[in-house]
Amino acid sequence: APWCGPCKMIAPAITQLAQKFADKLKVAKINVDEAGSLATMYSVNSIPTLMLFKDGEVVDQRMGAASLSVIEGFVVEHL
């Protein structure tokens, strides 16, 4: 959501990781204000929420802002 400070904080890290791992993963940013049904479907109660999917299923998720290195570790763990 555009008003979410922590989301804005991690946006550059997400963009950087999307570029770094472009051949291994796809990154999608969802605005919960515009896609409320998706937020409900995946029980997103706090933002930012990072979700990793494999074969259409959620394999892990993380809530809250974090540093680039923490987010990268979260992603690499599942590659």
PDB file of N, CA and C in Angstrom:
ATOM      1  N   ALA A   1       0.844  -1.184   0.000  1.00  0.00           N
ATOM      2  CA  ALA A   1       0.000   0.000   0.000  1.00  0.00           C
ATOM      3  C   ALA A   1       0.885   1.242   0.000  1.00  0.00           C
ATOM      4  N   PRO A   2       0.521   2.229  -0.772  1.00  0.00           N
ATOM      5  CA  PRO A   2       1.349   3.431  -0.890  1.00  0.00           C
ATOM      6  C   PRO A   2       1.616   4.142   0.437  1.00  0.00           C
ATOM      7  N   TRP A   3       0.741   3.985   1.398  1.00  0.00           N
ATOM      8  CA  TRP A   3       0.888   4.656   2.693  1.00  0.00           C
ATOM      9  C   TRP A   3       1.757   3.869   3.672  1.00  0.00           C
ATOM     10  N   CYS A   4       2.191   2.689   3.313  1.00  0.00           N
ATOM     11  CA  CYS A   4       2.932   1.792   4.215  1.00  0.00           C
ATOM     12  C   CYS A   4       4.425   2.155   4.246  1.00  0.00           C
ATOM     13  N   GLY A   5       4.860   2.763   5.344  1.00  0.00           N
ATOM     14  CA  GLY A   5       6.259   3.149   5.497  1.00  0.00           C
ATOM     15  C   GLY A   5       7.232   1.989   5.412  1.00  0.00           C
ATOM     16  N   PRO A   6       7.002   0.887   6.160  1.00  0.00           N
ATOM     17  CA  PRO A   6       7.914  -0.251   6.075  1.00  0.00           C
ATOM     18  C   PRO A   6       7.971  -0.861   4.669  1.00  0.00           C
ATOM     19  N   CYS A   7       6.856  -0.810   3.943  1.00  0.00           N
ATOM     20  CA  CYS A   7       6.845  -1.322   2.567  1.00  0.00           C
ATOM     21  C   CYS A   7       7.775  -0.482   1.692  1.00  0.00           C
ATOM     22  N   LYS A   8       7.710   0.833   1.874  1.00  0.00           N
ATOM     23  CA  LYS A   8       8.586   1.732   1.121  1.00  0.00           C
ATOM     24  C   LYS A   8      10.047   1.490   1.490  1.00  0.00           C
ATOM     25  N   MET A   9      10.289   1.175   2.764  1.00  0.00           N
ATOM     26  CA  MET A   9      11.662   0.925   3.221  1.00  0.00           C
ATOM     27  C   MET A   9      12.286  -0.280   2.528  1.00  0.00           C
ATOM     28  N   ILE A  10      11.522  -1.346   2.355  1.00  0.00           N
ATOM     29  CA  ILE A  10      12.094  -2.567   1.771  1.00  0.00           C
ATOM     30  C   ILE A  10      11.984  -2.615   0.252  1.00  0.00           C
ATOM     31  N   ALA A  11      11.258  -1.691  -0.358  1.00  0.00           N
ATOM     32  CA  ALA A  11      11.065  -1.706  -1.813  1.00  0.00           C
ATOM     33  C   ALA A  11      12.380  -1.756  -2.592  1.00  0.00           C
ATOM     34  N   PRO A  12      13.392  -0.948  -2.255  1.00  0.00           N
ATOM     35  CA  PRO A  12      14.654  -1.039  -3.002  1.00  0.00           C
ATOM     36  C   PRO A  12      15.318  -2.417  -2.875  1.00  0.00           C
ATOM     37  N   ALA A  13      15.239  -3.027  -1.712  1.00  0.00           N
ATOM     38  CA  ALA A  13      15.827  -4.359  -1.518  1.00  0.00           C
ATOM     39  C   ALA A  13      15.098  -5.387  -2.377  1.00  0.00           C
ATOM     40  N   ILE A  14      13.779  -5.287  -2.432  1.00  0.00           N
ATOM     41  CA  ILE A  14      12.991  -6.225  -3.239  1.00  0.00           C
ATOM     42  C   ILE A  14      13.343  -6.064  -4.715  1.00  0.00           C
ATOM     43  N   THR A  15      13.451  -4.830  -5.169  1.00  0.00           N
ATOM     44  CA  THR A  15      13.815  -4.563  -6.564  1.00  0.00           C
ATOM     45  C   THR A  15      15.203  -5.118  -6.870  1.00  0.00           C
ATOM     46  N   GLN A  16      16.137  -4.905  -5.964  1.00  0.00           N
ATOM     47  CA  GLN A  16      17.506  -5.399  -6.144  1.00  0.00           C
ATOM     48  C   GLN A  16      17.528  -6.927  -6.227  1.00  0.00           C
ATOM     49  N   LEU A  17      16.791  -7.589  -5.353  1.00  0.00           N
ATOM     50  CA  LEU A  17      16.763  -9.054  -5.365  1.00  0.00           C
ATOM     51  C   LEU A  17      16.041  -9.584  -6.599  1.00  0.00           C
ATOM     52  N   ALA A  18      15.014  -8.887  -7.048  1.00  0.00           N
ATOM     53  CA  ALA A  18      14.304  -9.294  -8.266  1.00  0.00           C
ATOM     54  C   ALA A  18      15.261  -9.286  -9.455  1.00  0.00           C
ATOM     55  N   GLN A  19      16.137  -8.293  -9.510  1.00  0.00           N
ATOM     56  CA  GLN A  19      17.123  -8.218 -10.590  1.00  0.00           C
ATOM     57  C   GLN A  19      18.204  -9.283 -10.418  1.00  0.00           C
ATOM     58  N   LYS A  20      18.687  -9.436  -9.212  1.00  0.00           N
ATOM     59  CA  LYS A  20      19.772 -10.383  -8.939  1.00  0.00           C
ATOM     60  C   LYS A  20      19.364 -11.822  -9.244  1.00  0.00           C
ATOM     61  N   PHE A  21      18.129 -12.171  -8.923  1.00  0.00           N
ATOM     62  CA  PHE A  21      17.665 -13.549  -9.092  1.00  0.00           C
ATOM     63  C   PHE A  21      16.633 -13.682 -10.209  1.00  0.00           C
ATOM     64  N   ALA A  22      16.694 -12.793 -11.194  1.00  0.00           N
ATOM     65  CA  ALA A  22      15.696 -12.766 -12.270  1.00  0.00           C
ATOM     66  C   ALA A  22      15.567 -14.105 -12.994  1.00  0.00           C
ATOM     67  N   ASP A  23      16.657 -14.857 -13.072  1.00  0.00           N
ATOM     68  CA  ASP A  23      16.612 -16.147 -13.762  1.00  0.00           C
ATOM     69  C   ASP A  23      16.072 -17.271 -12.875  1.00  0.00           C
ATOM     70  N   LYS A  24      15.839 -16.987 -11.590  1.00  0.00           N
ATOM     71  CA  LYS A  24      15.417 -18.036 -10.665  1.00  0.00           C
ATOM     72  C   LYS A  24      14.056 -17.792 -10.029  1.00  0.00           C
ATOM     73  N   LEU A  25      13.583 -16.541 -10.068  1.00  0.00           N
ATOM     74  CA  LEU A  25      12.298 -16.263  -9.424  1.00  0.00           C
ATOM     75  C   LEU A  25      11.613 -15.069 -10.051  1.00  0.00           C
ATOM     76  N   LYS A  26      10.323 -14.961  -9.785  1.00  0.00           N
ATOM     77  CA  LYS A  26       9.527 -13.813 -10.216  1.00  0.00           C
ATOM     78  C   LYS A  26       9.063 -13.092  -8.970  1.00  0.00           C
ATOM     79  N   VAL A  27       9.085 -11.778  -9.025  1.00  0.00           N
ATOM     80  CA  VAL A  27       8.652 -10.958  -7.896  1.00  0.00           C
ATOM     81  C   VAL A  27       7.378 -10.224  -8.291  1.00  0.00           C
ATOM     82  N   ALA A  28       6.408 -10.257  -7.410  1.00  0.00           N
ATOM     83  CA  ALA A  28       5.158  -9.518  -7.613  1.00  0.00           C
ATOM     84  C   ALA A  28       4.899  -8.676  -6.377  1.00  0.00           C
ATOM     85  N   LYS A  29       4.571  -7.422  -6.595  1.00  0.00           N
ATOM     86  CA  LYS A  29       4.204  -6.536  -5.490  1.00  0.00           C
ATOM     87  C   LYS A  29       2.699  -6.323  -5.566  1.00  0.00           C
ATOM     88  N   ILE A  30       2.024  -6.576  -4.469  1.00  0.00           N
ATOM     89  CA  ILE A  30       0.566  -6.470  -4.419  1.00  0.00           C
ATOM     90  C   ILE A  30       0.171  -5.347  -3.468  1.00  0.00           C
ATOM     91  N   ASN A  31      -0.704  -4.474  -3.925  1.00  0.00           N
ATOM     92  CA  ASN A  31      -1.247  -3.407  -3.089  1.00  0.00           C
ATOM     93  C   ASN A  31      -2.497  -3.967  -2.409  1.00  0.00           C
ATOM     94  N   VAL A  32      -2.438  -4.160  -1.103  1.00  0.00           N
ATOM     95  CA  VAL A  32      -3.565  -4.775  -0.387  1.00  0.00           C
ATOM     96  C   VAL A  32      -4.825  -3.914  -0.444  1.00  0.00           C
ATOM     97  N   ASP A  33      -4.679  -2.613  -0.653  1.00  0.00           N
ATOM     98  CA  ASP A  33      -5.854  -1.751  -0.782  1.00  0.00           C
ATOM     99  C   ASP A  33      -6.589  -2.020  -2.092  1.00  0.00           C
ATOM    100  N   GLU A  34      -5.846  -2.399  -3.118  1.00  0.00           N
ATOM    101  CA  GLU A  34      -6.443  -2.668  -4.426  1.00  0.00           C
ATOM    102  C   GLU A  34      -6.767  -4.143  -4.627  1.00  0.00           C
ATOM    103  N   ALA A  35      -6.120  -5.007  -3.889  1.00  0.00           N
ATOM    104  CA  ALA A  35      -6.308  -6.456  -4.047  1.00  0.00           C
ATOM    105  C   ALA A  35      -6.663  -7.080  -2.703  1.00  0.00           C
ATOM    106  N   GLY A  36      -7.689  -6.541  -2.081  1.00  0.00           N
ATOM    107  CA  GLY A  36      -8.107  -7.022  -0.764  1.00  0.00           C
ATOM    108  C   GLY A  36      -8.477  -8.489  -0.743  1.00  0.00           C
ATOM    109  N   SER A  37      -9.068  -8.980  -1.842  1.00  0.00           N
ATOM    110  CA  SER A  37      -9.464 -10.391  -1.880  1.00  0.00           C
ATOM    111  C   SER A  37      -8.241 -11.304  -1.846  1.00  0.00           C
ATOM    112  N   LEU A  38      -7.162 -10.880  -2.486  1.00  0.00           N
ATOM    113  CA  LEU A  38      -5.920 -11.666  -2.448  1.00  0.00           C
ATOM    114  C   LEU A  38      -5.335 -11.664  -1.049  1.00  0.00           C
ATOM    115  N   ALA A  39      -5.360 -10.507  -0.411  1.00  0.00           N
ATOM    116  CA  ALA A  39      -4.858 -10.405   0.962  1.00  0.00           C
ATOM    117  C   ALA A  39      -5.656 -11.317   1.880  1.00  0.00           C
ATOM    118  N   THR A  40      -6.954 -11.351   1.686  1.00  0.00           N
ATOM    119  CA  THR A  40      -7.816 -12.227   2.490  1.00  0.00           C
ATOM    120  C   THR A  40      -7.528 -13.691   2.190  1.00  0.00           C
ATOM    121  N   MET A  41      -7.393 -14.025   0.912  1.00  0.00           N
ATOM    122  CA  MET A  41      -7.146 -15.412   0.506  1.00  0.00           C
ATOM    123  C   MET A  41      -5.881 -15.970   1.151  1.00  0.00           C
ATOM    124  N   TYR A  42      -4.864 -15.125   1.277  1.00  0.00           N
ATOM    125  CA  TYR A  42      -3.588 -15.570   1.838  1.00  0.00           C
ATOM    126  C   TYR A  42      -3.393 -15.132   3.289  1.00  0.00           C
ATOM    127  N   SER A  43      -4.466 -14.690   3.919  1.00  0.00           N
ATOM    128  CA  SER A  43      -4.457 -14.311   5.341  1.00  0.00           C
ATOM    129  C   SER A  43      -3.369 -13.290   5.670  1.00  0.00           C
ATOM    130  N   VAL A  44      -3.234 -12.298   4.812  1.00  0.00           N
ATOM    131  CA  VAL A  44      -2.270 -11.229   5.062  1.00  0.00           C
ATOM    132  C   VAL A  44      -2.911 -10.243   6.031  1.00  0.00           C
ATOM    133  N   ASN A  45      -2.406 -10.220   7.242  1.00  0.00           N
ATOM    134  CA  ASN A  45      -2.945  -9.352   8.283  1.00  0.00           C
ATOM    135  C   ASN A  45      -2.010  -8.211   8.636  1.00  0.00           C
ATOM    136  N   SER A  46      -0.800  -8.246   8.099  1.00  0.00           N
ATOM    137  CA  SER A  46       0.214  -7.248   8.405  1.00  0.00           C
ATOM    138  C   SER A  46       1.035  -7.006   7.144  1.00  0.00           C
ATOM    139  N   ILE A  47       1.423  -5.758   6.931  1.00  0.00           N
ATOM    140  CA  ILE A  47       2.264  -5.474   5.778  1.00  0.00           C
ATOM    141  C   ILE A  47       3.502  -4.711   6.230  1.00  0.00           C
ATOM    142  N   PRO A  48       4.612  -4.963   5.570  1.00  0.00           N
ATOM    143  CA  PRO A  48       4.771  -5.846   4.426  1.00  0.00           C
ATOM    144  C   PRO A  48       4.779  -7.324   4.829  1.00  0.00           C
ATOM    145  N   THR A  49       4.253  -8.139   3.947  1.00  0.00           N
ATOM    146  CA  THR A  49       4.341  -9.586   4.087  1.00  0.00           C
ATOM    147  C   THR A  49       5.015 -10.109   2.833  1.00  0.00           C
ATOM    148  N   LEU A  50       6.073 -10.868   3.001  1.00  0.00           N
ATOM    149  CA  LEU A  50       6.765 -11.502   1.883  1.00  0.00           C
ATOM    150  C   LEU A  50       6.353 -12.960   1.861  1.00  0.00           C
ATOM    151  N   MET A  51       5.929 -13.421   0.696  1.00  0.00           N
ATOM    152  CA  MET A  51       5.513 -14.819   0.559  1.00  0.00           C
ATOM    153  C   MET A  51       6.309 -15.461  -0.564  1.00  0.00           C
ATOM    154  N   LEU A  52       6.776 -16.656  -0.319  1.00  0.00           N
ATOM    155  CA  LEU A  52       7.481 -17.421  -1.345  1.00  0.00           C
ATOM    156  C   LEU A  52       6.577 -18.559  -1.793  1.00  0.00           C
ATOM    157  N   PHE A  53       6.411 -18.674  -3.097  1.00  0.00           N
ATOM    158  CA  PHE A  53       5.570 -19.712  -3.684  1.00  0.00           C
ATOM    159  C   PHE A  53       6.433 -20.678  -4.478  1.00  0.00           C
ATOM    160  N   LYS A  54       6.054 -21.938  -4.457  1.00  0.00           N
ATOM    161  CA  LYS A  54       6.679 -22.945  -5.312  1.00  0.00           C
ATOM    162  C   LYS A  54       5.555 -23.828  -5.821  1.00  0.00           C
ATOM    163  N   ASP A  55       5.484 -23.972  -7.131  1.00  0.00           N
ATOM    164  CA  ASP A  55       4.421 -24.754  -7.762  1.00  0.00           C
ATOM    165  C   ASP A  55       3.041 -24.288  -7.306  1.00  0.00           C
ATOM    166  N   GLY A  56       2.880 -22.972  -7.156  1.00  0.00           N
ATOM    167  CA  GLY A  56       1.585 -22.400  -6.810  1.00  0.00           C
ATOM    168  C   GLY A  56       1.204 -22.455  -5.346  1.00  0.00           C
ATOM    169  N   GLU A  57       2.079 -22.985  -4.504  1.00  0.00           N
ATOM    170  CA  GLU A  57       1.791 -23.104  -3.072  1.00  0.00           C
ATOM    171  C   GLU A  57       2.754 -22.241  -2.264  1.00  0.00           C
ATOM    172  N   VAL A  58       2.258 -21.664  -1.187  1.00  0.00           N
ATOM    173  CA  VAL A  58       3.111 -20.878  -0.295  1.00  0.00           C
ATOM    174  C   VAL A  58       4.041 -21.830   0.449  1.00  0.00           C
ATOM    175  N   VAL A  59       5.350 -21.599   0.326  1.00  0.00           N
ATOM    176  CA  VAL A  59       6.316 -22.446   1.030  1.00  0.00           C
ATOM    177  C   VAL A  59       6.893 -21.753   2.258  1.00  0.00           C
ATOM    178  N   ASP A  60       6.807 -20.423   2.285  1.00  0.00           N
ATOM    179  CA  ASP A  60       7.283 -19.685   3.456  1.00  0.00           C
ATOM    180  C   ASP A  60       6.782 -18.258   3.366  1.00  0.00           C
ATOM    181  N   GLN A  61       6.728 -17.603   4.506  1.00  0.00           N
ATOM    182  CA  GLN A  61       6.361 -16.188   4.518  1.00  0.00           C
ATOM    183  C   GLN A  61       7.043 -15.485   5.672  1.00  0.00           C
ATOM    184  N   ARG A  62       7.164 -14.184   5.510  1.00  0.00           N
ATOM    185  CA  ARG A  62       7.830 -13.356   6.505  1.00  0.00           C
ATOM    186  C   ARG A  62       7.086 -12.032   6.575  1.00  0.00           C
ATOM    187  N   MET A  63       6.842 -11.561   7.777  1.00  0.00           N
ATOM    188  CA  MET A  63       6.139 -10.293   7.947  1.00  0.00           C
ATOM    189  C   MET A  63       7.085  -9.245   8.513  1.00  0.00           C
ATOM    190  N   GLY A  64       6.877  -8.010   8.092  1.00  0.00           N
ATOM    191  CA  GLY A  64       7.653  -6.899   8.617  1.00  0.00           C
ATOM    192  C   GLY A  64       8.830  -6.530   7.739  1.00  0.00           C
ATOM    193  N   ALA A  65       9.356  -5.345   7.992  1.00  0.00           N
ATOM    194  CA  ALA A  65      10.513  -4.859   7.245  1.00  0.00           C
ATOM    195  C   ALA A  65      11.773  -5.578   7.718  1.00  0.00           C
ATOM    196  N   ALA A  66      12.740  -5.679   6.826  1.00  0.00           N
ATOM    197  CA  ALA A  66      14.019  -6.314   7.155  1.00  0.00           C
ATOM    198  C   ALA A  66      15.078  -5.748   6.219  1.00  0.00           C
ATOM    199  N   SER A  67      16.316  -5.984   6.563  1.00  0.00           N
ATOM    200  CA  SER A  67      17.430  -5.513   5.731  1.00  0.00           C
ATOM    201  C   SER A  67      17.543  -6.367   4.469  1.00  0.00           C
ATOM    202  N   LEU A  68      18.287  -5.852   3.516  1.00  0.00           N
ATOM    203  CA  LEU A  68      18.540  -6.583   2.275  1.00  0.00           C
ATOM    204  C   LEU A  68      19.119  -7.956   2.572  1.00  0.00           C
ATOM    205  N   SER A  69      20.095  -8.033   3.461  1.00  0.00           N
ATOM    206  CA  SER A  69      20.748  -9.323   3.738  1.00  0.00           C
ATOM    207  C   SER A  69      19.777 -10.323   4.363  1.00  0.00           C
ATOM    208  N   VAL A  70      18.890  -9.862   5.217  1.00  0.00           N
ATOM    209  CA  VAL A  70      17.909 -10.762   5.837  1.00  0.00           C
ATOM    210  C   VAL A  70      16.918 -11.260   4.789  1.00  0.00           C
ATOM    211  N   ILE A  71      16.432 -10.359   3.944  1.00  0.00           N
ATOM    212  CA  ILE A  71      15.478 -10.759   2.905  1.00  0.00           C
ATOM    213  C   ILE A  71      16.152 -11.695   1.911  1.00  0.00           C
ATOM    214  N   GLU A  72      17.390 -11.398   1.548  1.00  0.00           N
ATOM    215  CA  GLU A  72      18.114 -12.268   0.616  1.00  0.00           C
ATOM    216  C   GLU A  72      18.298 -13.659   1.216  1.00  0.00           C
ATOM    217  N   GLY A  73      18.631 -13.739   2.484  1.00  0.00           N
ATOM    218  CA  GLY A  73      18.764 -15.035   3.144  1.00  0.00           C
ATOM    219  C   GLY A  73      17.462 -15.813   3.119  1.00  0.00           C
ATOM    220  N   PHE A  74      16.356 -15.124   3.343  1.00  0.00           N
ATOM    221  CA  PHE A  74      15.025 -15.728   3.298  1.00  0.00           C
ATOM    222  C   PHE A  74      14.752 -16.312   1.910  1.00  0.00           C
ATOM    223  N   VAL A  75      15.119 -15.576   0.872  1.00  0.00           N
ATOM    224  CA  VAL A  75      14.890 -16.026  -0.502  1.00  0.00           C
ATOM    225  C   VAL A  75      15.815 -17.186  -0.851  1.00  0.00           C
ATOM    226  N   VAL A  76      17.109 -17.021  -0.591  1.00  0.00           N
ATOM    227  CA  VAL A  76      18.111 -18.024  -0.970  1.00  0.00           C
ATOM    228  C   VAL A  76      17.830 -19.372  -0.310  1.00  0.00           C
ATOM    229  N   GLU A  77      17.302 -19.335   0.876  1.00  0.00           N
ATOM    230  CA  GLU A  77      16.964 -20.564   1.599  1.00  0.00           C
ATOM    231  C   GLU A  77      16.022 -21.463   0.791  1.00  0.00           C
ATOM    232  N   HIS A  78      15.270 -20.876  -0.122  1.00  0.00           N
ATOM    233  CA  HIS A  78      14.264 -21.639  -0.866  1.00  0.00           C
ATOM    234  C   HIS A  78      14.573 -21.788  -2.351  1.00  0.00           C
ATOM    235  N   LEU A  79      15.740 -21.353  -2.781  1.00  0.00           N
ATOM    236  CA  LEU A  79      16.080 -21.495  -4.207  1.00  0.00           C
ATOM    237  C   LEU A  79      16.581 -22.884  -4.511  1.00  0.00           C
TER     238      LEU A  79
END
